[in-house]
């Protein structure tokens, strides 16, 4: 019986490559949050206050993302974390989801409480601050856009910024509608629309976080296709106990048992299987076990 594992070079993981961009987005967002909160309180705009609340969530989420990238690359002196600390990024994304849901719920509750009221809203301030916020968010989006395709952690931060950009647009729309119609109710309507947009984004990101933590097969990899390709490797008679999951974004892992035909060269079987996983599915870290056809050691497994 033969067993082996393969892994690529220990290059910097996806989230770590974008740490400086995360830091830039964090600095921009934190600076503007103070401006928007003060403007919202002075103008009496719920849309502006709700967007400031979401901006505060961004500050926390971006800060958590930054800390997570640092933790993920930190060596483990205890030797207990055999997979390292890469999952810290996934937990940070989960925190982002909770923050986004919390902000969305708060805005909806606050909007319901304002129904029937006719508060004075300074629409000019809304337009000015909304436009400034849009510029800040667009700059942050440009910083994080590339990393959002490679890292779940960065994707969470990117979604936060996208939601904020939508919030800034909403604030400007609300300001214009109040000027045109003279009805401050548009402030509440737009605030609820912003909240719903944030919640939808949070749910989408939450599903991805749950998939990683639940050790589902990566979305871009079909387990049946992997089993078929491994079964086609020269010297392989059957494939069983195939497991596929993502440790964190861009770090997919696989384990499998390969039943070899009689007289097969187990080293060649291992190398052929590693090459299939690496070249066709992008799985650089795989632990494979080669078994002779008459081996029944897995028959007693109950899961």
Foldseek 3Di string as FASTA:
>chain_A
DDKDKFFDDPDQALLLVLLVLLVVLLVLLVVLLVVQCVLCVVQVFLLSNLLSLLSVLLNQLSVQSNVLSVQQPDDDPVCPPVVGSNCSLLVSLVSLLVSLLVSLVVLLVVLVVCPPPQDGGDLVSLQVSLVVQLVSLVSSLVSLVVSLVFFLSSVSSNLSSVLSNLSSVLSNVLSVCCVVPVGNNSSSVSSNVSSVSSNVSSVVSVVVSCCQVVFHAPPVDDPVVLQVQLCPQPFFPGKDPWGWHAPTGLAIEIEIETEGEPPDDVVSSVVSSCCCCCVVPVHRIYMYHYHYPPDDPCVPDDD
